[in-house]
């Protein structure tokens, strides 16, 4: 929606300019800069949201790789970028890190991505690889012993 407002900024300004009572609503250059910074920060996230929500079957195994991609490239703070864009990106990353920092959640995400043949142990931190492998082996052994009775 922000992108659409930016695309139609001239038309919006012309419509607001034609009515004396609405002239105070014409976007200023500061408004435009703010909208551009917000759009630059959120645009990559909308692509991922659309891609993941359009799938018929989205697995929890995609969460860890997507979080890694966000922190390593998509939401990475750019020294040359506008300060507002960098602040928005930092806030989003902080929120995501806070949301998924729980050790039990991290273990679940590690297990899920380790079991996915697309990702395996690629997104599991090195210090967690051995415990995750051990847990996977023990759970597989428990499943086999339960089946065999």
C-alpha atoms as a PDB file:
ATOM      1  CA  UNK A   1       0.000   0.000   0.000  1.00  0.00           C
ATOM      2  CA  UNK A   2       2.830   2.392   0.797  1.00  0.00           C
ATOM      3  CA  UNK A   3       4.348   1.624  -2.579  1.00  0.00           C
ATOM      4  CA  UNK A   4       1.050   2.490  -4.240  1.00  0.00           C
ATOM      5  CA  UNK A   5       0.843   5.814  -2.366  1.00  0.00           C
ATOM      6  CA  UNK A   6       4.375   6.644  -3.504  1.00  0.00           C
ATOM      7  CA  UNK A   7       3.500   5.740  -7.107  1.00  0.00           C
ATOM      8  CA  UNK A   8       0.390   7.913  -7.042  1.00  0.00           C
ATOM      9  CA  UNK A   9       1.898  10.789  -5.078  1.00  0.00           C
ATOM     10  CA  UNK A  10       1.476  13.315  -7.878  1.00  0.00           C
ATOM     11  CA  UNK A  11      -2.150  12.415  -8.428  1.00  0.00           C
ATOM     12  CA  UNK A  12      -2.860  12.525  -4.705  1.00  0.00           C
ATOM     13  CA  UNK A  13      -1.234  15.939  -4.430  1.00  0.00           C
ATOM     14  CA  UNK A  14      -3.228  17.261  -7.395  1.00  0.00           C
ATOM     15  CA  UNK A  15      -6.528  16.073  -5.934  1.00  0.00           C
ATOM     16  CA  UNK A  16      -5.737  17.526  -2.511  1.00  0.00           C
ATOM     17  CA  UNK A  17      -4.512  20.782  -4.063  1.00  0.00           C
ATOM     18  CA  UNK A  18      -7.792  21.300  -5.893  1.00  0.00           C
ATOM     19  CA  UNK A  19      -9.768  21.455  -2.630  1.00  0.00           C
ATOM     20  CA  UNK A  20      -8.882  24.344  -0.311  1.00  0.00           C
ATOM     21  CA  UNK A  21      -9.992  22.434   2.781  1.00  0.00           C
ATOM     22  CA  UNK A  22      -7.645  19.533   1.983  1.00  0.00           C
ATOM     23  CA  UNK A  23      -4.469  21.409   1.074  1.00  0.00           C
ATOM     24  CA  UNK A  24      -2.978  20.806   4.519  1.00  0.00           C
ATOM     25  CA  UNK A  25      -3.041  17.073   3.728  1.00  0.00           C
ATOM     26  CA  UNK A  26      -0.649  17.333   0.776  1.00  0.00           C
ATOM     27  CA  UNK A  27       2.385  15.164   1.600  1.00  0.00           C
ATOM     28  CA  UNK A  28       5.546  17.113   2.333  1.00  0.00           C
ATOM     29  CA  UNK A  29       9.029  16.017   1.324  1.00  0.00           C
ATOM     30  CA  UNK A  30       9.500  14.710   4.885  1.00  0.00           C
ATOM     31  CA  UNK A  31       6.372  12.594   4.523  1.00  0.00           C
ATOM     32  CA  UNK A  32       7.673  11.226   1.228  1.00  0.00           C
ATOM     33  CA  UNK A  33      11.097  10.451   2.710  1.00  0.00           C
ATOM     34  CA  UNK A  34       9.472   8.647   5.632  1.00  0.00           C
ATOM     35  CA  UNK A  35       7.221   6.616   3.339  1.00  0.00           C
ATOM     36  CA  UNK A  36      10.187   5.697   1.132  1.00  0.00           C
ATOM     37  CA  UNK A  37      12.226   4.554   4.154  1.00  0.00           C
ATOM     38  CA  UNK A  38       9.360   2.446   5.470  1.00  0.00           C
ATOM     39  CA  UNK A  39       8.736   0.972   2.020  1.00  0.00           C
ATOM     40  CA  UNK A  40      12.425   0.141   1.560  1.00  0.00           C
ATOM     41  CA  UNK A  41      12.449  -1.667   4.901  1.00  0.00           C
ATOM     42  CA  UNK A  42       9.210  -3.598   4.512  1.00  0.00           C
ATOM     43  CA  UNK A  43       9.253  -4.454   0.790  1.00  0.00           C
ATOM     44  CA  UNK A  44      11.520  -7.531   1.121  1.00  0.00           C
ATOM     45  CA  UNK A  45       9.412  -8.828   4.005  1.00  0.00           C
ATOM     46  CA  UNK A  46       6.222  -8.664   1.953  1.00  0.00           C
ATOM     47  CA  UNK A  47       7.784 -10.875  -0.704  1.00  0.00           C
ATOM     48  CA  UNK A  48       8.604 -13.527   1.890  1.00  0.00           C
ATOM     49  CA  UNK A  49       5.219 -13.226   3.525  1.00  0.00           C
ATOM     50  CA  UNK A  50       3.493 -13.654   0.172  1.00  0.00           C
ATOM     51  CA  UNK A  51       5.724 -16.596  -0.779  1.00  0.00           C
ATOM     52  CA  UNK A  52       5.273 -18.450   2.508  1.00  0.00           C
ATOM     53  CA  UNK A  53       1.563 -17.768   2.847  1.00  0.00           C
ATOM     54  CA  UNK A  54       0.816 -18.827  -0.724  1.00  0.00           C
ATOM     55  CA  UNK A  55       2.218 -22.305  -0.139  1.00  0.00           C
ATOM     56  CA  UNK A  56      -0.344 -24.977   0.638  1.00  0.00           C
ATOM     57  CA  UNK A  57       1.989 -26.585   3.149  1.00  0.00           C
ATOM     58  CA  UNK A  58       4.469 -24.378   4.987  1.00  0.00           C
ATOM     59  CA  UNK A  59       6.677 -26.201   7.419  1.00  0.00           C
ATOM     60  CA  UNK A  60       8.263 -24.968  10.623  1.00  0.00           C
ATOM     61  CA  UNK A  61      11.559 -26.026   9.058  1.00  0.00           C
ATOM     62  CA  UNK A  62      11.520 -22.847   6.951  1.00  0.00           C
ATOM     63  CA  UNK A  63      11.523 -20.517   9.971  1.00  0.00           C
ATOM     64  CA  UNK A  64      15.197 -20.876  10.905  1.00  0.00           C
ATOM     65  CA  UNK A  65      16.537 -20.405   7.336  1.00  0.00           C
ATOM     66  CA  UNK A  66      14.266 -17.410   6.756  1.00  0.00           C
ATOM     67  CA  UNK A  67      15.386 -15.823  10.038  1.00  0.00           C
ATOM     68  CA  UNK A  68      18.991 -16.396   9.024  1.00  0.00           C
ATOM     69  CA  UNK A  69      18.352 -14.829   5.614  1.00  0.00           C
ATOM     70  CA  UNK A  70      16.692 -11.813   7.222  1.00  0.00           C
ATOM     71  CA  UNK A  71      19.570 -11.196   9.624  1.00  0.00           C
ATOM     72  CA  UNK A  72      22.381 -11.890   7.159  1.00  0.00           C
ATOM     73  CA  UNK A  73      21.176  -9.999   4.104  1.00  0.00           C
ATOM     74  CA  UNK A  74      17.619  -8.740   3.735  1.00  0.00           C
ATOM     75  CA  UNK A  75      17.386  -6.736   6.972  1.00  0.00           C
ATOM     76  CA  UNK A  76      21.102  -6.132   7.323  1.00  0.00           C
ATOM     77  CA  UNK A  77      21.833  -2.542   8.309  1.00  0.00           C
ATOM     78  CA  UNK A  78      23.341  -0.637   5.399  1.00  0.00           C
ATOM     79  CA  UNK A  79      25.810   2.099   6.376  1.00  0.00           C
ATOM     80  CA  UNK A  80      24.937   4.035   3.219  1.00  0.00           C
ATOM     81  CA  UNK A  81      21.170   3.702   3.780  1.00  0.00           C
ATOM     82  CA  UNK A  82      18.859   6.232   5.388  1.00  0.00           C
ATOM     83  CA  UNK A  83      18.899   6.284   9.189  1.00  0.00           C
ATOM     84  CA  UNK A  84      15.158   5.654   9.433  1.00  0.00           C
ATOM     85  CA  UNK A  85      15.424   2.568   7.194  1.00  0.00           C
ATOM     86  CA  UNK A  86      18.264   1.208   9.333  1.00  0.00           C
ATOM     87  CA  UNK A  87      16.303   1.903  12.527  1.00  0.00           C
ATOM     88  CA  UNK A  88      13.262   0.063  11.184  1.00  0.00           C
ATOM     89  CA  UNK A  89      15.395  -2.898  10.135  1.00  0.00           C
ATOM     90  CA  UNK A  90      17.088  -2.995  13.535  1.00  0.00           C
ATOM     91  CA  UNK A  91      13.733  -2.911  15.344  1.00  0.00           C
ATOM     92  CA  UNK A  92      12.360  -5.731  13.188  1.00  0.00           C
ATOM     93  CA  UNK A  93      15.437  -7.900  13.789  1.00  0.00           C
ATOM     94  CA  UNK A  94      15.320  -7.177  17.513  1.00  0.00           C
ATOM     95  CA  UNK A  95      11.666  -8.175  17.621  1.00  0.00           C
ATOM     96  CA  UNK A  96      12.316 -11.414  15.708  1.00  0.00           C
ATOM     97  CA  UNK A  97      15.307 -12.303  17.896  1.00  0.00           C
ATOM     98  CA  UNK A  98      13.250 -11.656  21.022  1.00  0.00           C
ATOM     99  CA  UNK A  99      10.346 -13.728  19.705  1.00  0.00           C
ATOM    100  CA  UNK A 100      12.482 -16.775  18.873  1.00  0.00           C
ATOM    101  CA  UNK A 101      15.165 -16.575  21.611  1.00  0.00           C
ATOM    102  CA  UNK A 102      13.535 -19.105  23.941  1.00  0.00           C
ATOM    103  CA  UNK A 103      15.836 -22.177  24.172  1.00  0.00           C
ATOM    104  CA  UNK A 104      12.940 -24.601  23.673  1.00  0.00           C
ATOM    105  CA  UNK A 105      11.824 -22.703  20.576  1.00  0.00           C
ATOM    106  CA  UNK A 106      15.375 -22.691  19.257  1.00  0.00           C
ATOM    107  CA  UNK A 107      15.639 -26.440  19.811  1.00  0.00           C
ATOM    108  CA  UNK A 108      12.358 -27.026  17.970  1.00  0.00           C
ATOM    109  CA  UNK A 109      13.496 -24.871  15.043  1.00  0.00           C
ATOM    110  CA  UNK A 110      16.895 -26.604  14.993  1.00  0.00           C
ATOM    111  CA  UNK A 111      15.258 -30.047  14.985  1.00  0.00           C
ATOM    112  CA  UNK A 112      12.794 -29.080  12.263  1.00  0.00           C
ATOM    113  CA  UNK A 113      15.411 -27.597   9.954  1.00  0.00           C
ATOM    114  CA  UNK A 114      17.786 -30.521  10.612  1.00  0.00           C
ATOM    115  CA  UNK A 115      15.081 -32.977   9.515  1.00  0.00           C
ATOM    116  CA  UNK A 116      14.270 -31.015   6.341  1.00  0.00           C
ATOM    117  CA  UNK A 117      16.355 -32.387   3.450  1.00  0.00           C
ATOM    118  CA  UNK A 118      16.614 -28.886   1.978  1.00  0.00           C
ATOM    119  CA  UNK A 119      18.428 -27.463   5.001  1.00  0.00           C
ATOM    120  CA  UNK A 120      19.808 -30.325   7.125  1.00  0.00           C
ATOM    121  CA  UNK A 121      22.143 -28.874   9.768  1.00  0.00           C
ATOM    122  CA  UNK A 122      23.191 -25.874   7.692  1.00  0.00           C
ATOM    123  CA  UNK A 123      21.331 -23.336   9.848  1.00  0.00           C
ATOM    124  CA  UNK A 124      22.060 -24.911  13.229  1.00  0.00           C
ATOM    125  CA  UNK A 125      24.825 -23.157  15.174  1.00  0.00           C
ATOM    126  CA  UNK A 126      28.001 -25.217  15.475  1.00  0.00           C
ATOM    127  CA  UNK A 127      27.738 -25.581  19.242  1.00  0.00           C
ATOM    128  CA  UNK A 128      24.233 -27.059  18.870  1.00  0.00           C
ATOM    129  CA  UNK A 129      24.959 -29.627  16.120  1.00  0.00           C
ATOM    130  CA  UNK A 130      26.073 -32.463  18.421  1.00  0.00           C
ATOM    131  CA  UNK A 131      23.147 -32.145  20.889  1.00  0.00           C
ATOM    132  CA  UNK A 132      20.645 -31.943  18.023  1.00  0.00           C
ATOM    133  CA  UNK A 133      22.127 -35.033  16.352  1.00  0.00           C
ATOM    134  CA  UNK A 134      22.059 -36.899  19.671  1.00  0.00           C
ATOM    135  CA  UNK A 135      18.420 -35.979  20.290  1.00  0.00           C
ATOM    136  CA  UNK A 136      17.417 -36.958  16.763  1.00  0.00           C
ATOM    137  CA  UNK A 137      19.137 -40.344  17.150  1.00  0.00           C
ATOM    138  CA  UNK A 138      17.538 -40.999  20.544  1.00  0.00           C
ATOM    139  CA  UNK A 139      14.068 -40.070  19.274  1.00  0.00           C
ATOM    140  CA  UNK A 140      14.509 -42.285  16.194  1.00  0.00           C
ATOM    141  CA  UNK A 141      15.662 -45.165  18.399  1.00  0.00           C
ATOM    142  CA  UNK A 142      12.673 -44.643  20.701  1.00  0.00           C
ATOM    143  CA  UNK A 143      10.317 -44.620  17.694  1.00  0.00           C
ATOM    144  CA  UNK A 144      11.833 -47.818  16.292  1.00  0.00           C
ATOM    145  CA  UNK A 145      11.675 -49.589  19.644  1.00  0.00           C
ATOM    146  CA  UNK A 146       8.035 -48.522  20.067  1.00  0.00           C
ATOM    147  CA  UNK A 147       7.158 -49.862  16.606  1.00  0.00           C
ATOM    148  CA  UNK A 148       8.990 -53.131  17.155  1.00  0.00           C
ATOM    149  CA  UNK A 149       7.358 -53.417  20.520  1.00  0.00           C
END
